Amino acid sequence: MQWFLLILLSVIWGSSFILIKKALVVFPPEQVAALRIFLAFAALLPVAGRGLRHLQRSNIKYAFVVGAVGSGIPAFLFATAQTHINSGTSGVLNSLTPLSTFVIGVLLFNTVFKWQKLLGVLIGLSGALTLILFSARSFGEQNLFYSSLIVLATICYAISVNVVKKYCQNIPSATLTMASFSLVMPFAVIYLLFFSNFSSIIQQPNAPLALGYIAILAGVGTALANSLFFYLTQQTNALFASSVTYGMPLVALSWGFLDGEPLSIIHFVAFALIISGVYLIYQS
């Protein structure tokens, strides 16, 4: 079951980069991110009342941290980064998340250091670096600043997943998902209503299609996926759960290939390295 969820999340989140790319054709990155957060909240409304009843006052601060650094900030970072780097590159750079999770866990959350886990992270990371080095188009398009935004997003994810594992074990995953989005959603709505030109952009001919991409990104890639991810984190450990990002590059690069981005045999070799790294992490 744990491996099934890991693969499912890899497919769902690996597809998110191409959806962001398509949405950016019409909407600026800030609106893509804000709409993603708002629509994810809207998708969760049917379970809102039941979920929030189980949230204790002492857990609100943790839910806010999870919402802000696990969903809110990364949504803006990824959308902004993809204005200059392609979807495949984004998926590859996102695989730095387990390494960030390991480092943040050891430094801030008293995670037990194990050499086998470090070896697994490094092997998986070598697969991600292989994808970068041998994907000529992705490598050529990289921009240091915009790539660093994705690295920063992986650090945000690392903080969030460690908080979930250490402080949110007793919160049902659906409750944690709903609470986290409820707490960050008002910021997205305020931006859309008062600090953007959303009302004019939505009138463009291709806007409904782009909004549809964001709706899929929000409902499936954010609301549903976050619930599954929180559950996986609670059932395993922060490092194994974050290794979902190791399967995402193959999915992201596959979608990119279908959209005109390059794909070669070296990507599959790198993917074998990535899976080997995940295995070592899980076994330690």
C-alpha atoms as a PDB file:
ATOM      1  CA  MET A   1       0.000   0.000   0.000  1.00  0.00           C
ATOM      2  CA  GLN A   2       2.821   2.411   0.874  1.00  0.00           C
ATOM      3  CA  TRP A   3       4.598   1.799  -2.423  1.00  0.00           C
ATOM      4  CA  PHE A   4       1.315   2.111  -4.334  1.00  0.00           C
ATOM      5  CA  LEU A   5       0.696   5.541  -2.767  1.00  0.00           C
ATOM      6  CA  LEU A   6       4.272   6.547  -3.542  1.00  0.00           C
ATOM      7  CA  ILE A   7       3.849   5.661  -7.223  1.00  0.00           C
ATOM      8  CA  LEU A   8       0.396   7.255  -7.431  1.00  0.00           C
ATOM      9  CA  LEU A   9       1.682  10.496  -5.920  1.00  0.00           C
ATOM     10  CA  SER A  10       4.636  10.453  -8.306  1.00  0.00           C
ATOM     11  CA  VAL A  11       2.229  10.303 -11.251  1.00  0.00           C
ATOM     12  CA  ILE A  12      -0.081  12.988  -9.882  1.00  0.00           C
ATOM     13  CA  TRP A  13       2.623  15.438  -8.843  1.00  0.00           C
ATOM     14  CA  GLY A  14       4.803  14.601 -11.825  1.00  0.00           C
ATOM     15  CA  SER A  15       1.937  15.797 -14.025  1.00  0.00           C
ATOM     16  CA  SER A  16       1.617  19.098 -12.174  1.00  0.00           C
ATOM     17  CA  PHE A  17       4.519  20.755 -14.003  1.00  0.00           C
ATOM     18  CA  ILE A  18       2.952  20.428 -17.448  1.00  0.00           C
ATOM     19  CA  LEU A  19      -0.333  21.771 -16.044  1.00  0.00           C
ATOM     20  CA  ILE A  20       1.497  24.806 -14.655  1.00  0.00           C
ATOM     21  CA  LYS A  21       3.180  25.276 -18.034  1.00  0.00           C
ATOM     22  CA  LYS A  22      -0.174  25.248 -19.845  1.00  0.00           C
ATOM     23  CA  ALA A  23      -1.776  27.603 -17.341  1.00  0.00           C
ATOM     24  CA  LEU A  24       1.083  30.100 -17.683  1.00  0.00           C
ATOM     25  CA  VAL A  25       0.173  30.596 -21.336  1.00  0.00           C
ATOM     26  CA  VAL A  26      -2.695  32.808 -20.139  1.00  0.00           C
ATOM     27  CA  PHE A  27      -2.246  33.621 -16.456  1.00  0.00           C
ATOM     28  CA  PRO A  28       0.805  35.234 -14.807  1.00  0.00           C
ATOM     29  CA  PRO A  29       2.577  33.037 -12.238  1.00  0.00           C
ATOM     30  CA  GLU A  30       1.158  34.799  -9.181  1.00  0.00           C
ATOM     31  CA  GLN A  31      -2.398  34.200 -10.397  1.00  0.00           C
ATOM     32  CA  VAL A  32      -1.672  30.567 -11.258  1.00  0.00           C
ATOM     33  CA  ALA A  33      -0.462  30.015  -7.687  1.00  0.00           C
ATOM     34  CA  ALA A  34      -3.292  31.949  -6.033  1.00  0.00           C
ATOM     35  CA  LEU A  35      -5.948  30.208  -8.126  1.00  0.00           C
ATOM     36  CA  ARG A  36      -4.372  26.851  -7.345  1.00  0.00           C
ATOM     37  CA  ILE A  37      -4.670  27.491  -3.614  1.00  0.00           C
ATOM     38  CA  PHE A  38      -8.217  28.859  -3.807  1.00  0.00           C
ATOM     39  CA  LEU A  39      -9.525  26.055  -6.047  1.00  0.00           C
ATOM     40  CA  ALA A  40      -7.866  23.418  -3.861  1.00  0.00           C
ATOM     41  CA  PHE A  41      -9.727  24.893  -0.899  1.00  0.00           C
ATOM     42  CA  ALA A  42     -12.964  24.844  -2.898  1.00  0.00           C
ATOM     43  CA  ALA A  43     -12.408  21.169  -3.780  1.00  0.00           C
ATOM     44  CA  LEU A  44     -12.075  20.372  -0.089  1.00  0.00           C
ATOM     45  CA  LEU A  45     -15.253  22.202   0.988  1.00  0.00           C
ATOM     46  CA  PRO A  46     -17.472  19.070   0.968  1.00  0.00           C
ATOM     47  CA  VAL A  47     -15.393  17.643   3.823  1.00  0.00           C
ATOM     48  CA  ALA A  48     -14.583  20.952   5.497  1.00  0.00           C
ATOM     49  CA  GLY A  49     -17.022  20.838   8.395  1.00  0.00           C
ATOM     50  CA  ARG A  50     -16.351  17.241   9.342  1.00  0.00           C
ATOM     51  CA  GLY A  51     -12.608  17.723   9.030  1.00  0.00           C
ATOM     52  CA  LEU A  52     -12.192  20.952  10.956  1.00  0.00           C
ATOM     53  CA  ARG A  53     -14.219  19.651  13.913  1.00  0.00           C
ATOM     54  CA  HIS A  54     -11.320  17.347  14.721  1.00  0.00           C
ATOM     55  CA  LEU A  55      -8.687  20.087  14.727  1.00  0.00           C
ATOM     56  CA  GLN A  56      -7.602  21.109  18.215  1.00  0.00           C
ATOM     57  CA  ARG A  57      -6.619  24.691  18.969  1.00  0.00           C
ATOM     58  CA  SER A  58      -3.087  23.598  19.858  1.00  0.00           C
ATOM     59  CA  ASN A  59      -2.633  22.202  16.338  1.00  0.00           C
ATOM     60  CA  ILE A  60      -3.620  25.362  14.444  1.00  0.00           C
ATOM     61  CA  LYS A  61      -0.073  26.709  14.356  1.00  0.00           C
ATOM     62  CA  TYR A  62       1.233  23.467  12.864  1.00  0.00           C
ATOM     63  CA  ALA A  63      -1.535  23.419  10.262  1.00  0.00           C
ATOM     64  CA  PHE A  64      -0.641  26.975   9.276  1.00  0.00           C
ATOM     65  CA  VAL A  65       3.043  26.099   8.883  1.00  0.00           C
ATOM     66  CA  VAL A  66       2.127  23.082   6.762  1.00  0.00           C
ATOM     67  CA  GLY A  67      -0.200  25.192   4.615  1.00  0.00           C
ATOM     68  CA  ALA A  68       2.244  28.068   4.182  1.00  0.00           C
ATOM     69  CA  VAL A  69       5.524  26.245   3.556  1.00  0.00           C
ATOM     70  CA  GLY A  70       4.052  23.001   2.217  1.00  0.00           C
ATOM     71  CA  SER A  71       1.603  24.444  -0.311  1.00  0.00           C
ATOM     72  CA  GLY A  72       1.342  28.240  -0.373  1.00  0.00           C
ATOM     73  CA  ILE A  73       4.917  29.422  -0.853  1.00  0.00           C
ATOM     74  CA  PRO A  74       5.984  26.538  -3.161  1.00  0.00           C
ATOM     75  CA  ALA A  75       2.994  27.200  -5.437  1.00  0.00           C
ATOM     76  CA  PHE A  76       4.284  30.717  -6.095  1.00  0.00           C
ATOM     77  CA  LEU A  77       7.915  29.586  -6.389  1.00  0.00           C
ATOM     78  CA  PHE A  78       7.192  26.888  -8.964  1.00  0.00           C
ATOM     79  CA  ALA A  79       4.907  29.042 -11.085  1.00  0.00           C
ATOM     80  CA  THR A  80       7.476  31.856 -11.136  1.00  0.00           C
ATOM     81  CA  ALA A  81      10.361  29.492 -11.913  1.00  0.00           C
ATOM     82  CA  GLN A  82       8.515  27.938 -14.846  1.00  0.00           C
ATOM     83  CA  THR A  83       8.335  31.255 -16.623  1.00  0.00           C
ATOM     84  CA  HIS A  84      12.018  30.666 -17.448  1.00  0.00           C
ATOM     85  CA  ILE A  85      12.667  26.897 -17.189  1.00  0.00           C
ATOM     86  CA  ASN A  86      10.671  24.084 -18.738  1.00  0.00           C
ATOM     87  CA  SER A  87       8.432  21.566 -17.021  1.00  0.00           C
ATOM     88  CA  GLY A  88      10.897  18.672 -17.268  1.00  0.00           C
ATOM     89  CA  THR A  89      13.646  20.670 -15.594  1.00  0.00           C
ATOM     90  CA  SER A  90      11.253  21.656 -12.814  1.00  0.00           C
ATOM     91  CA  GLY A  91      10.408  18.019 -12.175  1.00  0.00           C
ATOM     92  CA  VAL A  92      14.084  17.092 -12.035  1.00  0.00           C
ATOM     93  CA  LEU A  93      15.049  19.877  -9.642  1.00  0.00           C
ATOM     94  CA  ASN A  94      12.118  18.999  -7.416  1.00  0.00           C
ATOM     95  CA  SER A  95      13.766  15.635  -6.726  1.00  0.00           C
ATOM     96  CA  LEU A  96      16.104  17.496  -4.378  1.00  0.00           C
ATOM     97  CA  THR A  97      13.301  17.339  -1.791  1.00  0.00           C
ATOM     98  CA  PRO A  98      14.452  14.112  -0.058  1.00  0.00           C
ATOM     99  CA  LEU A  99      17.950  15.518   0.342  1.00  0.00           C
ATOM    100  CA  SER A 100      16.485  18.706   1.818  1.00  0.00           C
ATOM    101  CA  THR A 101      14.236  16.618   4.066  1.00  0.00           C
ATOM    102  CA  PHE A 102      17.183  14.602   5.330  1.00  0.00           C
ATOM    103  CA  VAL A 103      19.306  17.690   6.057  1.00  0.00           C
ATOM    104  CA  ILE A 104      16.470  19.695   7.648  1.00  0.00           C
ATOM    105  CA  GLY A 105      15.406  16.664   9.678  1.00  0.00           C
ATOM    106  CA  VAL A 106      18.884  16.121  11.091  1.00  0.00           C
ATOM    107  CA  LEU A 107      19.531  19.823  11.740  1.00  0.00           C
ATOM    108  CA  LEU A 108      16.154  20.932  13.124  1.00  0.00           C
ATOM    109  CA  PHE A 109      14.001  17.921  14.015  1.00  0.00           C
ATOM    110  CA  ASN A 110      16.416  15.507  15.701  1.00  0.00           C
ATOM    111  CA  THR A 111      16.108  12.924  12.948  1.00  0.00           C
ATOM    112  CA  VAL A 112      18.449  10.002  13.577  1.00  0.00           C
ATOM    113  CA  PHE A 113      21.406  10.132  11.213  1.00  0.00           C
ATOM    114  CA  LYS A 114      22.000   6.888   9.321  1.00  0.00           C
ATOM    115  CA  TRP A 115      24.668   6.435   6.694  1.00  0.00           C
ATOM    116  CA  GLN A 116      22.431   4.109   4.695  1.00  0.00           C
ATOM    117  CA  LYS A 117      19.769   6.814   4.410  1.00  0.00           C
ATOM    118  CA  LEU A 118      22.380   9.328   3.325  1.00  0.00           C
ATOM    119  CA  LEU A 119      23.670   6.871   0.742  1.00  0.00           C
ATOM    120  CA  GLY A 120      20.136   6.362  -0.571  1.00  0.00           C
ATOM    121  CA  VAL A 121      19.592  10.098  -0.834  1.00  0.00           C
ATOM    122  CA  LEU A 122      22.878  10.562  -2.667  1.00  0.00           C
ATOM    123  CA  ILE A 123      22.174   7.735  -5.113  1.00  0.00           C
ATOM    124  CA  GLY A 124      18.734   9.158  -5.839  1.00  0.00           C
ATOM    125  CA  LEU A 125      20.224  12.602  -6.197  1.00  0.00           C
ATOM    126  CA  SER A 126      22.798  11.241  -8.649  1.00  0.00           C
ATOM    127  CA  GLY A 127      19.896  10.067 -10.789  1.00  0.00           C
ATOM    128  CA  ALA A 128      18.347  13.528 -10.689  1.00  0.00           C
ATOM    129  CA  LEU A 129      21.674  15.138 -11.608  1.00  0.00           C
ATOM    130  CA  THR A 130      22.063  12.666 -14.458  1.00  0.00           C
ATOM    131  CA  LEU A 131      18.724  13.809 -15.840  1.00  0.00           C
ATOM    132  CA  ILE A 132      19.897  17.412 -15.683  1.00  0.00           C
ATOM    133  CA  LEU A 133      23.276  16.791 -17.294  1.00  0.00           C
ATOM    134  CA  PHE A 134      22.009  14.628 -20.132  1.00  0.00           C
ATOM    135  CA  SER A 135      18.896  16.598 -20.965  1.00  0.00           C
ATOM    136  CA  ALA A 136      20.482  19.061 -23.330  1.00  0.00           C
ATOM    137  CA  ARG A 137      17.526  21.346 -23.730  1.00  0.00           C
ATOM    138  CA  SER A 138      16.796  21.484 -20.015  1.00  0.00           C
ATOM    139  CA  PHE A 139      20.448  22.079 -19.200  1.00  0.00           C
ATOM    140  CA  GLY A 140      20.692  24.860 -21.746  1.00  0.00           C
ATOM    141  CA  GLU A 141      17.615  26.649 -20.507  1.00  0.00           C
ATOM    142  CA  GLN A 142      18.520  26.638 -16.872  1.00  0.00           C
ATOM    143  CA  ASN A 143      18.736  29.967 -15.200  1.00  0.00           C
ATOM    144  CA  LEU A 144      20.530  30.065 -11.863  1.00  0.00           C
ATOM    145  CA  PHE A 145      18.079  32.402 -10.164  1.00  0.00           C
ATOM    146  CA  TYR A 146      14.898  30.662 -11.324  1.00  0.00           C
ATOM    147  CA  SER A 147      16.372  27.229 -10.637  1.00  0.00           C
ATOM    148  CA  SER A 148      17.197  28.408  -7.122  1.00  0.00           C
ATOM    149  CA  LEU A 149      13.497  29.151  -6.589  1.00  0.00           C
ATOM    150  CA  ILE A 150      12.739  25.447  -6.993  1.00  0.00           C
ATOM    151  CA  VAL A 151      15.580  24.561  -4.631  1.00  0.00           C
ATOM    152  CA  LEU A 152      14.002  26.948  -2.115  1.00  0.00           C
ATOM    153  CA  ALA A 153      10.654  25.221  -2.686  1.00  0.00           C
ATOM    154  CA  THR A 154      12.211  21.852  -1.835  1.00  0.00           C
ATOM    155  CA  ILE A 155      13.442  23.322   1.453  1.00  0.00           C
ATOM    156  CA  CYS A 156       9.886  24.487   2.159  1.00  0.00           C
ATOM    157  CA  TYR A 157       8.616  20.976   1.446  1.00  0.00           C
ATOM    158  CA  ALA A 158      11.286  19.559   3.746  1.00  0.00           C
ATOM    159  CA  ILE A 159      10.178  21.757   6.637  1.00  0.00           C
ATOM    160  CA  SER A 160       6.530  20.869   6.043  1.00  0.00           C
ATOM    161  CA  VAL A 161       7.007  17.114   5.876  1.00  0.00           C
ATOM    162  CA  ASN A 162       9.116  17.103   9.037  1.00  0.00           C
ATOM    163  CA  VAL A 163       6.463  19.140  10.863  1.00  0.00           C
ATOM    164  CA  VAL A 164       3.788  16.686   9.716  1.00  0.00           C
ATOM    165  CA  LYS A 165       5.781  13.715  10.931  1.00  0.00           C
ATOM    166  CA  LYS A 166       6.792  15.205  14.296  1.00  0.00           C
ATOM    167  CA  TYR A 167       3.770  17.274  15.338  1.00  0.00           C
ATOM    168  CA  CYS A 168       0.767  16.123  13.285  1.00  0.00           C
ATOM    169  CA  GLN A 169       0.699  12.363  13.796  1.00  0.00           C
ATOM    170  CA  ASN A 170      -2.679  12.442  15.551  1.00  0.00           C
ATOM    171  CA  ILE A 171      -4.407  14.717  13.037  1.00  0.00           C
ATOM    172  CA  PRO A 172      -6.370  12.847  10.315  1.00  0.00           C
ATOM    173  CA  SER A 173      -4.844  13.574   6.917  1.00  0.00           C
ATOM    174  CA  ALA A 174      -8.099  15.036   5.534  1.00  0.00           C
ATOM    175  CA  THR A 175      -8.378  17.345   8.553  1.00  0.00           C
ATOM    176  CA  LEU A 176      -4.792  18.511   8.200  1.00  0.00           C
ATOM    177  CA  THR A 177      -5.247  19.155   4.484  1.00  0.00           C
ATOM    178  CA  MET A 178      -8.442  21.147   4.977  1.00  0.00           C
ATOM    179  CA  ALA A 179      -7.073  23.131   7.902  1.00  0.00           C
ATOM    180  CA  SER A 180      -3.833  24.009   6.128  1.00  0.00           C
ATOM    181  CA  PHE A 181      -5.640  25.329   3.046  1.00  0.00           C
ATOM    182  CA  SER A 182      -8.278  27.130   5.112  1.00  0.00           C
ATOM    183  CA  LEU A 183      -5.534  29.110   6.836  1.00  0.00           C
ATOM    184  CA  VAL A 184      -3.656  30.176   3.667  1.00  0.00           C
ATOM    185  CA  MET A 185      -6.620  30.546   1.303  1.00  0.00           C
ATOM    186  CA  PRO A 186      -7.596  34.072   2.498  1.00  0.00           C
ATOM    187  CA  PHE A 187      -4.209  35.411   1.389  1.00  0.00           C
ATOM    188  CA  ALA A 188      -4.761  33.997  -2.106  1.00  0.00           C
ATOM    189  CA  VAL A 189      -8.261  35.494  -2.331  1.00  0.00           C
ATOM    190  CA  ILE A 190      -7.092  38.919  -1.142  1.00  0.00           C
ATOM    191  CA  TYR A 191      -4.387  38.909  -3.805  1.00  0.00           C
ATOM    192  CA  LEU A 192      -6.795  37.885  -6.587  1.00  0.00           C
ATOM    193  CA  LEU A 193      -9.436  40.466  -5.630  1.00  0.00           C
ATOM    194  CA  PHE A 194      -7.315  43.492  -4.791  1.00  0.00           C
ATOM    195  CA  PHE A 195      -3.809  43.094  -6.202  1.00  0.00           C
ATOM    196  CA  SER A 196      -4.234  41.459  -9.613  1.00  0.00           C
ATOM    197  CA  ASN A 197      -5.921  42.020 -12.973  1.00  0.00           C
ATOM    198  CA  PHE A 198      -7.683  38.668 -12.863  1.00  0.00           C
ATOM    199  CA  SER A 199     -11.035  40.132 -13.946  1.00  0.00           C
ATOM    200  CA  SER A 200      -9.575  41.259 -17.260  1.00  0.00           C
ATOM    201  CA  ILE A 201      -7.402  38.192 -17.942  1.00  0.00           C
ATOM    202  CA  ILE A 202     -10.287  35.773 -17.367  1.00  0.00           C
ATOM    203  CA  GLN A 203     -12.028  37.353 -20.371  1.00  0.00           C
ATOM    204  CA  GLN A 204      -9.323  36.213 -22.794  1.00  0.00           C
ATOM    205  CA  PRO A 205     -10.370  33.514 -25.317  1.00  0.00           C
ATOM    206  CA  ASN A 206      -8.045  30.815 -23.932  1.00  0.00           C
ATOM    207  CA  ALA A 207      -8.716  31.658 -20.283  1.00  0.00           C
ATOM    208  CA  PRO A 208     -11.379  28.946 -19.655  1.00  0.00           C
ATOM    209  CA  LEU A 209      -9.017  26.211 -20.892  1.00  0.00           C
ATOM    210  CA  ALA A 210      -6.140  27.532 -18.793  1.00  0.00           C
ATOM    211  CA  LEU A 211      -8.463  27.765 -15.795  1.00  0.00           C
ATOM    212  CA  GLY A 212      -9.403  24.134 -16.404  1.00  0.00           C
ATOM    213  CA  TYR A 213      -5.741  23.149 -16.169  1.00  0.00           C
ATOM    214  CA  ILE A 214      -5.464  24.991 -12.867  1.00  0.00           C
ATOM    215  CA  ALA A 215      -8.648  23.315 -11.604  1.00  0.00           C
ATOM    216  CA  ILE A 216      -7.159  19.872 -12.303  1.00  0.00           C
ATOM    217  CA  LEU A 217      -3.898  20.993 -10.710  1.00  0.00           C
ATOM    218  CA  ALA A 218      -5.769  22.202  -7.628  1.00  0.00           C
ATOM    219  CA  GLY A 219      -8.325  19.430  -7.179  1.00  0.00           C
ATOM    220  CA  VAL A 220      -6.194  16.405  -7.996  1.00  0.00           C
ATOM    221  CA  GLY A 221      -2.607  17.637  -7.820  1.00  0.00           C
ATOM    222  CA  THR A 222      -3.050  19.672  -4.645  1.00  0.00           C
ATOM    223  CA  ALA A 223      -6.147  18.799  -2.564  1.00  0.00           C
ATOM    224  CA  LEU A 224      -6.264  15.034  -3.145  1.00  0.00           C
ATOM    225  CA  ALA A 225      -2.493  14.594  -3.408  1.00  0.00           C
ATOM    226  CA  ASN A 226      -1.798  16.483  -0.181  1.00  0.00           C
ATOM    227  CA  SER A 227      -4.260  14.298   1.725  1.00  0.00           C
ATOM    228  CA  LEU A 228      -2.579  11.169   0.378  1.00  0.00           C
ATOM    229  CA  PHE A 229       0.864  12.599   1.113  1.00  0.00           C
ATOM    230  CA  PHE A 230       0.038  13.468   4.724  1.00  0.00           C
ATOM    231  CA  TYR A 231      -1.336   9.957   5.216  1.00  0.00           C
ATOM    232  CA  LEU A 232       1.799   8.436   3.692  1.00  0.00           C
ATOM    233  CA  THR A 233       4.020  10.576   5.921  1.00  0.00           C
ATOM    234  CA  GLN A 234       2.135   9.535   9.039  1.00  0.00           C
ATOM    235  CA  GLN A 235       2.287   5.843   8.091  1.00  0.00           C
ATOM    236  CA  THR A 236       5.976   5.737   7.124  1.00  0.00           C
ATOM    237  CA  ASN A 237       8.558   8.457   7.771  1.00  0.00           C
ATOM    238  CA  ALA A 238       9.325  11.924   6.468  1.00  0.00           C
ATOM    239  CA  LEU A 239      12.243  10.824   4.297  1.00  0.00           C
ATOM    240  CA  PHE A 240      10.400   7.958   2.600  1.00  0.00           C
ATOM    241  CA  ALA A 241       7.354  10.134   1.956  1.00  0.00           C
ATOM    242  CA  SER A 242       9.487  12.909   0.461  1.00  0.00           C
ATOM    243  CA  SER A 243      11.112  10.378  -1.872  1.00  0.00           C
ATOM    244  CA  VAL A 244       7.931  10.636  -3.935  1.00  0.00           C
ATOM    245  CA  THR A 245       9.844  13.382  -5.724  1.00  0.00           C
ATOM    246  CA  TYR A 246      12.242  10.767  -7.105  1.00  0.00           C
ATOM    247  CA  GLY A 247       9.554   9.254  -9.336  1.00  0.00           C
ATOM    248  CA  MET A 248       8.233  12.611 -10.461  1.00  0.00           C
ATOM    249  CA  PRO A 249      11.053  13.477 -12.940  1.00  0.00           C
ATOM    250  CA  LEU A 250      10.200  10.536 -15.198  1.00  0.00           C
ATOM    251  CA  VAL A 251       6.539  11.566 -15.263  1.00  0.00           C
ATOM    252  CA  ALA A 252       7.390  15.232 -15.770  1.00  0.00           C
ATOM    253  CA  LEU A 253       9.866  14.480 -18.555  1.00  0.00           C
ATOM    254  CA  SER A 254       7.368  12.147 -20.245  1.00  0.00           C
ATOM    255  CA  TRP A 255       4.740  14.879 -20.341  1.00  0.00           C
ATOM    256  CA  GLY A 256       7.406  17.308 -21.514  1.00  0.00           C
ATOM    257  CA  PHE A 257       8.381  14.922 -24.323  1.00  0.00           C
ATOM    258  CA  LEU A 258       4.758  14.741 -25.473  1.00  0.00           C
ATOM    259  CA  ASP A 259       4.787  18.533 -25.460  1.00  0.00           C
ATOM    260  CA  GLY A 260       7.967  18.751 -27.546  1.00  0.00           C
ATOM    261  CA  GLU A 261      10.678  18.472 -24.885  1.00  0.00           C
ATOM    262  CA  PRO A 262      13.512  15.896 -25.394  1.00  0.00           C
ATOM    263  CA  LEU A 263      13.593  12.384 -23.913  1.00  0.00           C
ATOM    264  CA  SER A 264      16.365   9.762 -24.323  1.00  0.00           C
ATOM    265  CA  ILE A 265      17.481   6.380 -22.965  1.00  0.00           C
ATOM    266  CA  ILE A 266      19.651   8.106 -20.372  1.00  0.00           C
ATOM    267  CA  HIS A 267      16.503   9.229 -18.583  1.00  0.00           C
ATOM    268  CA  PHE A 268      15.599   5.607 -17.899  1.00  0.00           C
ATOM    269  CA  VAL A 269      19.115   4.850 -16.636  1.00  0.00           C
ATOM    270  CA  ALA A 270      18.807   7.812 -14.263  1.00  0.00           C
ATOM    271  CA  PHE A 271      15.394   6.596 -13.164  1.00  0.00           C
ATOM    272  CA  ALA A 272      16.937   3.232 -12.166  1.00  0.00           C
ATOM    273  CA  LEU A 273      19.372   5.123  -9.937  1.00  0.00           C
ATOM    274  CA  ILE A 274      16.497   7.048  -8.418  1.00  0.00           C
ATOM    275  CA  ILE A 275      14.498   3.909  -7.590  1.00  0.00           C
ATOM    276  CA  SER A 276      17.617   2.341  -6.051  1.00  0.00           C
ATOM    277  CA  GLY A 277      17.975   5.378  -3.803  1.00  0.00           C
ATOM    278  CA  VAL A 278      14.365   5.154  -2.680  1.00  0.00           C
ATOM    279  CA  TYR A 279      14.844   1.473  -1.858  1.00  0.00           C
ATOM    280  CA  LEU A 280      17.856   2.197   0.348  1.00  0.00           C
ATOM    281  CA  ILE A 281      15.967   4.963   2.151  1.00  0.00           C
ATOM    282  CA  TYR A 282      13.003   2.699   2.828  1.00  0.00           C
ATOM    283  CA  GLN A 283      15.126  -0.221   4.034  1.00  0.00           C
ATOM    284  CA  SER A 284      17.177   1.836   6.527  1.00  0.00           C
END
